[in-house]
Amino acid sequence: MQPEYPVGPKALEVRIANAASYLAQKILVLDRRDAADRAKDVLYIHDTLLLFGTSLGELEGIWKAKIVSSIHTNAARALRAAGERGFAEVSDAVRGAGLIAGKAGRPVSPEEIAQVCRTGLTKVFS
């Protein structure tokens, strides 16, 4: 039984996607987003990987056990290649993510963002 944490006068059940599904969704739509949204999504990917950094092996397990069998083969292939292909170099989206982070008082280099994304996505979607 999961613990309940009611908020407000009426309890409300909220379902939140697991981090592996969240990362998969962000990667799969990244190329379809406009430049500003793409930069935000890159930063969200980076931040999610940092947040779950000690649990990347568990996210890989979720990917293998629950996600990969439920998506199209081409989508699974794209996710497996996302780390290397999508973050092999510092792109405009990665530079934009660095600018957004800096404006929020979180200075992080575009190179570091690309490295975190490359390493983390390769681990999760191996």
N, C-alpha and C. Protein backbone atom coordinates (compact mmCIF):
# COMPACT_ATOMS: atom_id res chain seq x y z
N MET A 1 0.84 -1.18 0.00
CA MET A 1 0.00 0.00 0.00
C MET A 1 0.89 1.25 0.00
N GLN A 2 0.58 2.16 -0.88
CA GLN A 2 1.38 3.38 -0.97
C GLN A 2 0.87 4.41 0.02
N PRO A 3 1.77 5.20 0.59
CA PRO A 3 1.33 6.23 1.54
C PRO A 3 0.51 7.30 0.83
N GLU A 4 -0.44 7.87 1.54
CA GLU A 4 -1.24 8.95 0.99
C GLU A 4 -0.79 10.26 1.61
N TYR A 5 -0.75 11.29 0.78
CA TYR A 5 -0.37 12.62 1.24
C TYR A 5 -1.41 13.60 0.73
N PRO A 6 -2.55 13.70 1.43
CA PRO A 6 -3.60 14.60 0.95
C PRO A 6 -3.14 16.05 0.99
N VAL A 7 -3.56 16.79 -0.02
CA VAL A 7 -3.25 18.21 -0.11
C VAL A 7 -4.56 18.95 -0.30
N GLY A 8 -4.81 19.92 0.53
CA GLY A 8 -6.04 20.71 0.41
C GLY A 8 -7.23 20.00 1.00
N PRO A 9 -8.42 20.59 0.82
CA PRO A 9 -9.62 20.03 1.45
C PRO A 9 -10.03 18.67 0.88
N LYS A 10 -9.72 18.41 -0.38
CA LYS A 10 -10.04 17.12 -1.00
C LYS A 10 -8.75 16.48 -1.48
N ALA A 11 -8.57 15.21 -1.10
CA ALA A 11 -7.38 14.49 -1.57
C ALA A 11 -7.50 14.28 -3.07
N LEU A 12 -6.40 14.38 -3.76
CA LEU A 12 -6.36 14.24 -5.20
C LEU A 12 -5.22 13.31 -5.57
N GLU A 13 -5.50 12.31 -6.38
CA GLU A 13 -4.44 11.41 -6.83
C GLU A 13 -3.78 12.00 -8.06
N VAL A 14 -2.47 12.11 -8.03
CA VAL A 14 -1.71 12.64 -9.15
C VAL A 14 -0.70 11.58 -9.56
N ARG A 15 -0.70 11.24 -10.83
CA ARG A 15 0.26 10.26 -11.34
C ARG A 15 1.39 11.01 -12.03
N ILE A 16 2.59 10.60 -11.72
CA ILE A 16 3.77 11.23 -12.28
C ILE A 16 4.55 10.18 -13.06
N ALA A 17 4.96 10.52 -14.27
CA ALA A 17 5.73 9.58 -15.09
C ALA A 17 7.05 9.25 -14.40
N ASN A 18 7.49 8.01 -14.58
CA ASN A 18 8.81 7.67 -14.05
C ASN A 18 9.87 8.41 -14.87
N ALA A 19 11.02 8.56 -14.29
CA ALA A 19 12.07 9.37 -14.92
C ALA A 19 12.50 8.80 -16.27
N ALA A 20 12.53 7.49 -16.41
CA ALA A 20 12.94 6.90 -17.69
C ALA A 20 11.94 7.25 -18.79
N SER A 21 10.65 7.18 -18.48
CA SER A 21 9.62 7.55 -19.46
C SER A 21 9.69 9.04 -19.78
N TYR A 22 9.92 9.85 -18.77
CA TYR A 22 10.04 11.29 -18.96
C TYR A 22 11.20 11.61 -19.91
N LEU A 23 12.36 11.00 -19.66
CA LEU A 23 13.52 11.22 -20.52
C LEU A 23 13.24 10.75 -21.94
N ALA A 24 12.60 9.59 -22.07
CA ALA A 24 12.29 9.05 -23.40
C ALA A 24 11.40 10.02 -24.17
N GLN A 25 10.37 10.54 -23.52
CA GLN A 25 9.46 11.47 -24.16
C GLN A 25 10.19 12.74 -24.59
N LYS A 26 11.03 13.28 -23.72
CA LYS A 26 11.77 14.50 -24.05
C LYS A 26 12.68 14.28 -25.25
N ILE A 27 13.35 13.14 -25.31
CA ILE A 27 14.25 12.85 -26.42
C ILE A 27 13.47 12.67 -27.72
N LEU A 28 12.37 11.94 -27.66
CA LEU A 28 11.63 11.64 -28.88
C LEU A 28 11.00 12.88 -29.53
N VAL A 29 10.68 13.90 -28.76
CA VAL A 29 10.07 15.10 -29.34
C VAL A 29 11.07 16.24 -29.54
N LEU A 30 12.29 16.07 -29.10
CA LEU A 30 13.27 17.16 -29.11
C LEU A 30 13.44 17.80 -30.48
N ASP A 31 13.54 17.01 -31.53
CA ASP A 31 13.76 17.56 -32.87
C ASP A 31 12.55 18.32 -33.41
N ARG A 32 11.38 18.09 -32.82
CA ARG A 32 10.16 18.74 -33.29
C ARG A 32 9.87 20.06 -32.57
N ARG A 33 10.66 20.39 -31.59
CA ARG A 33 10.42 21.58 -30.79
C ARG A 33 11.10 22.79 -31.42
N ASP A 34 10.56 23.99 -31.16
CA ASP A 34 11.23 25.19 -31.66
C ASP A 34 12.48 25.43 -30.82
N ALA A 35 13.33 26.33 -31.27
CA ALA A 35 14.67 26.50 -30.66
C ALA A 35 14.60 26.80 -29.17
N ALA A 36 13.72 27.70 -28.75
CA ALA A 36 13.64 28.07 -27.33
C ALA A 36 13.18 26.89 -26.48
N ASP A 37 12.18 26.19 -26.96
CA ASP A 37 11.68 25.03 -26.21
C ASP A 37 12.69 23.89 -26.21
N ARG A 38 13.42 23.74 -27.30
CA ARG A 38 14.45 22.70 -27.38
C ARG A 38 15.53 22.95 -26.32
N ALA A 39 15.94 24.19 -26.16
CA ALA A 39 16.95 24.52 -25.15
C ALA A 39 16.44 24.21 -23.75
N LYS A 40 15.17 24.55 -23.47
CA LYS A 40 14.58 24.23 -22.16
C LYS A 40 14.54 22.73 -21.95
N ASP A 41 14.16 21.99 -22.99
CA ASP A 41 14.08 20.54 -22.86
C ASP A 41 15.45 19.92 -22.61
N VAL A 42 16.48 20.45 -23.26
CA VAL A 42 17.84 19.96 -23.02
C VAL A 42 18.21 20.19 -21.56
N LEU A 43 17.86 21.35 -21.02
CA LEU A 43 18.16 21.61 -19.61
C LEU A 43 17.35 20.69 -18.71
N TYR A 44 16.09 20.42 -19.05
CA TYR A 44 15.29 19.47 -18.27
C TYR A 44 15.91 18.08 -18.29
N ILE A 45 16.40 17.66 -19.45
CA ILE A 45 17.06 16.35 -19.55
C ILE A 45 18.30 16.34 -18.66
N HIS A 46 19.12 17.36 -18.79
CA HIS A 46 20.33 17.49 -17.97
C HIS A 46 19.99 17.43 -16.49
N ASP A 47 19.01 18.23 -16.06
CA ASP A 47 18.66 18.29 -14.65
C ASP A 47 18.08 16.98 -14.14
N THR A 48 17.29 16.32 -14.96
CA THR A 48 16.73 15.02 -14.58
C THR A 48 17.83 14.00 -14.39
N LEU A 49 18.79 13.99 -15.30
CA LEU A 49 19.91 13.06 -15.18
C LEU A 49 20.74 13.34 -13.93
N LEU A 50 20.94 14.62 -13.61
CA LEU A 50 21.66 14.94 -12.38
C LEU A 50 20.87 14.51 -11.15
N LEU A 51 19.58 14.78 -11.16
CA LEU A 51 18.73 14.44 -10.03
C LEU A 51 18.71 12.93 -9.76
N PHE A 52 18.67 12.15 -10.82
CA PHE A 52 18.60 10.70 -10.69
C PHE A 52 19.95 10.03 -10.93
N GLY A 53 21.02 10.81 -10.86
CA GLY A 53 22.36 10.32 -11.19
C GLY A 53 22.77 9.05 -10.47
N THR A 54 22.42 8.92 -9.20
CA THR A 54 22.80 7.72 -8.46
C THR A 54 21.88 6.54 -8.76
N SER A 55 20.82 6.79 -9.53
CA SER A 55 19.84 5.74 -9.83
C SER A 55 19.76 5.42 -11.32
N LEU A 56 20.77 5.78 -12.09
CA LEU A 56 20.70 5.54 -13.53
C LEU A 56 20.58 4.06 -13.86
N GLY A 57 21.18 3.21 -13.04
CA GLY A 57 21.04 1.77 -13.24
C GLY A 57 19.60 1.32 -13.07
N GLU A 58 18.90 1.91 -12.11
CA GLU A 58 17.49 1.59 -11.90
C GLU A 58 16.65 2.09 -13.07
N LEU A 59 16.97 3.27 -13.58
CA LEU A 59 16.24 3.78 -14.74
C LEU A 59 16.48 2.89 -15.96
N GLU A 60 17.69 2.39 -16.09
CA GLU A 60 17.99 1.44 -17.17
C GLU A 60 17.12 0.19 -17.02
N GLY A 61 16.95 -0.28 -15.79
CA GLY A 61 16.10 -1.44 -15.53
C GLY A 61 14.65 -1.18 -15.91
N ILE A 62 14.14 0.01 -15.60
CA ILE A 62 12.77 0.37 -15.99
C ILE A 62 12.66 0.41 -17.50
N TRP A 63 13.65 0.99 -18.16
CA TRP A 63 13.68 1.04 -19.62
C TRP A 63 13.58 -0.36 -20.21
N LYS A 64 14.41 -1.26 -19.73
CA LYS A 64 14.45 -2.61 -20.28
C LYS A 64 13.21 -3.42 -19.93
N ALA A 65 12.69 -3.27 -18.72
CA ALA A 65 11.57 -4.09 -18.26
C ALA A 65 10.20 -3.58 -18.71
N LYS A 66 10.05 -2.27 -18.83
CA LYS A 66 8.71 -1.74 -19.04
C LYS A 66 8.52 -0.89 -20.28
N ILE A 67 9.55 -0.23 -20.76
CA ILE A 67 9.36 0.75 -21.83
C ILE A 67 9.71 0.19 -23.20
N VAL A 68 10.88 -0.40 -23.33
CA VAL A 68 11.37 -0.79 -24.66
C VAL A 68 10.40 -1.72 -25.39
N SER A 69 9.74 -2.60 -24.67
CA SER A 69 8.81 -3.54 -25.32
C SER A 69 7.49 -2.89 -25.71
N SER A 70 7.23 -1.69 -25.21
CA SER A 70 5.94 -1.05 -25.48
C SER A 70 6.01 0.05 -26.53
N ILE A 71 7.19 0.28 -27.10
CA ILE A 71 7.33 1.33 -28.11
C ILE A 71 7.81 0.73 -29.43
N HIS A 72 7.65 1.48 -30.48
CA HIS A 72 8.07 1.04 -31.81
C HIS A 72 9.58 0.82 -31.84
N THR A 73 10.02 -0.12 -32.64
CA THR A 73 11.44 -0.44 -32.76
C THR A 73 12.27 0.78 -33.14
N ASN A 74 11.74 1.60 -34.06
CA ASN A 74 12.48 2.79 -34.48
C ASN A 74 12.64 3.79 -33.33
N ALA A 75 11.61 3.92 -32.49
CA ALA A 75 11.71 4.82 -31.34
C ALA A 75 12.74 4.29 -30.35
N ALA A 76 12.75 3.00 -30.13
CA ALA A 76 13.74 2.41 -29.22
C ALA A 76 15.15 2.62 -29.76
N ARG A 77 15.32 2.47 -31.05
CA ARG A 77 16.62 2.68 -31.68
C ARG A 77 17.06 4.14 -31.52
N ALA A 78 16.12 5.07 -31.72
CA ALA A 78 16.43 6.49 -31.59
C ALA A 78 16.84 6.82 -30.15
N LEU A 79 16.17 6.22 -29.20
CA LEU A 79 16.51 6.47 -27.80
C LEU A 79 17.89 5.91 -27.47
N ARG A 80 18.20 4.73 -27.99
CA ARG A 80 19.52 4.15 -27.73
C ARG A 80 20.63 5.03 -28.30
N ALA A 81 20.35 5.66 -29.43
CA ALA A 81 21.37 6.50 -30.08
C ALA A 81 21.37 7.94 -29.57
N ALA A 82 20.39 8.31 -28.76
CA ALA A 82 20.22 9.70 -28.35
C ALA A 82 21.44 10.28 -27.65
N GLY A 83 22.03 9.53 -26.78
CA GLY A 83 23.18 10.05 -26.04
C GLY A 83 24.33 10.40 -26.95
N GLU A 84 24.71 9.47 -27.78
CA GLU A 84 25.86 9.70 -28.66
C GLU A 84 25.53 10.68 -29.79
N ARG A 85 24.42 10.46 -30.46
CA ARG A 85 24.08 11.29 -31.62
C ARG A 85 23.62 12.68 -31.21
N GLY A 86 22.73 12.75 -30.25
CA GLY A 86 22.13 14.02 -29.88
C GLY A 86 23.02 14.94 -29.09
N PHE A 87 24.01 14.38 -28.40
CA PHE A 87 24.85 15.19 -27.53
C PHE A 87 26.34 14.96 -27.79
N ALA A 88 26.66 14.55 -29.00
CA ALA A 88 28.06 14.30 -29.34
C ALA A 88 28.86 15.60 -29.39
N GLU A 89 28.17 16.68 -29.69
CA GLU A 89 28.84 17.98 -29.74
C GLU A 89 27.93 19.02 -29.11
N VAL A 90 28.49 20.18 -28.88
CA VAL A 90 27.72 21.28 -28.30
C VAL A 90 26.90 21.92 -29.41
N SER A 91 25.60 21.76 -29.34
CA SER A 91 24.69 22.30 -30.34
C SER A 91 24.13 23.64 -29.86
N ASP A 92 23.36 24.28 -30.71
CA ASP A 92 22.70 25.53 -30.31
C ASP A 92 21.76 25.28 -29.13
N ALA A 93 21.08 24.15 -29.13
CA ALA A 93 20.16 23.82 -28.03
C ALA A 93 20.93 23.66 -26.72
N VAL A 94 22.08 23.04 -26.78
CA VAL A 94 22.90 22.85 -25.57
C VAL A 94 23.43 24.21 -25.09
N ARG A 95 23.87 25.05 -26.01
CA ARG A 95 24.32 26.39 -25.63
C ARG A 95 23.16 27.17 -25.01
N GLY A 96 21.98 27.05 -25.60
CA GLY A 96 20.80 27.72 -25.06
C GLY A 96 20.47 27.23 -23.67
N ALA A 97 20.61 25.94 -23.43
CA ALA A 97 20.37 25.38 -22.10
C ALA A 97 21.34 25.98 -21.09
N GLY A 98 22.59 26.16 -21.49
CA GLY A 98 23.58 26.78 -20.61
C GLY A 98 23.22 28.22 -20.28
N LEU A 99 22.71 28.95 -21.26
CA LEU A 99 22.30 30.33 -21.02
C LEU A 99 21.11 30.40 -20.05
N ILE A 100 20.15 29.50 -20.23
CA ILE A 100 18.99 29.47 -19.33
C ILE A 100 19.44 29.16 -17.91
N ALA A 101 20.29 28.18 -17.76
CA ALA A 101 20.79 27.82 -16.42
C ALA A 101 21.54 28.99 -15.80
N GLY A 102 22.37 29.66 -16.58
CA GLY A 102 23.13 30.80 -16.08
C GLY A 102 22.23 31.93 -15.62
N LYS A 103 21.17 32.22 -16.39
CA LYS A 103 20.23 33.27 -16.00
C LYS A 103 19.49 32.93 -14.72
N ALA A 104 19.38 31.64 -14.42
CA ALA A 104 18.72 31.19 -13.20
C ALA A 104 19.70 31.09 -12.03
N GLY A 105 20.94 31.58 -12.25
CA GLY A 105 21.94 31.54 -11.19
C GLY A 105 22.62 30.20 -11.03
N ARG A 106 22.56 29.40 -12.06
CA ARG A 106 23.18 28.07 -12.04
C ARG A 106 24.18 27.98 -13.18
N PRO A 107 25.32 28.59 -13.05
CA PRO A 107 26.27 28.56 -14.16
C PRO A 107 26.77 27.14 -14.45
N VAL A 108 26.54 26.71 -15.65
CA VAL A 108 27.00 25.39 -16.10
C VAL A 108 27.40 25.55 -17.57
N SER A 109 28.53 24.99 -17.92
CA SER A 109 29.02 25.16 -19.29
C SER A 109 28.24 24.26 -20.25
N PRO A 110 28.13 24.70 -21.49
CA PRO A 110 27.49 23.85 -22.50
C PRO A 110 28.20 22.49 -22.63
N GLU A 111 29.51 22.50 -22.48
CA GLU A 111 30.27 21.24 -22.58
C GLU A 111 29.86 20.28 -21.46
N GLU A 112 29.65 20.82 -20.26
CA GLU A 112 29.22 19.97 -19.15
C GLU A 112 27.81 19.43 -19.38
N ILE A 113 26.93 20.28 -19.90
CA ILE A 113 25.56 19.83 -20.19
C ILE A 113 25.60 18.69 -21.20
N ALA A 114 26.36 18.86 -22.27
CA ALA A 114 26.46 17.81 -23.29
C ALA A 114 27.03 16.53 -22.71
N GLN A 115 28.05 16.65 -21.86
CA GLN A 115 28.68 15.46 -21.27
C GLN A 115 27.72 14.72 -20.35
N VAL A 116 27.01 15.45 -19.50
CA VAL A 116 26.04 14.82 -18.59
C VAL A 116 24.96 14.10 -19.40
N CYS A 117 24.44 14.77 -20.42
CA CYS A 117 23.39 14.16 -21.25
C CYS A 117 23.91 12.94 -22.00
N ARG A 118 25.08 13.06 -22.58
CA ARG A 118 25.67 11.95 -23.34
C ARG A 118 25.87 10.74 -22.44
N THR A 119 26.49 10.95 -21.30
CA THR A 119 26.80 9.84 -20.38
C THR A 119 25.53 9.24 -19.79
N GLY A 120 24.63 10.10 -19.30
CA GLY A 120 23.42 9.61 -18.65
C GLY A 120 22.47 8.89 -19.59
N LEU A 121 22.23 9.47 -20.77
CA LEU A 121 21.32 8.84 -21.72
C LEU A 121 21.89 7.53 -22.25
N THR A 122 23.18 7.49 -22.47
CA THR A 122 23.80 6.24 -22.91
C THR A 122 23.60 5.14 -21.87
N LYS A 123 23.72 5.51 -20.58
CA LYS A 123 23.53 4.53 -19.51
C LYS A 123 22.06 4.08 -19.43
N VAL A 124 21.14 5.02 -19.42
CA VAL A 124 19.72 4.68 -19.25
C VAL A 124 19.19 3.86 -20.42
N PHE A 125 19.53 4.24 -21.64
CA PHE A 125 18.95 3.61 -22.82
C PHE A 125 19.89 2.64 -23.52
N SER A 126 20.78 2.02 -22.76
CA SER A 126 21.74 1.08 -23.37
C SER A 126 21.04 -0.20 -23.83
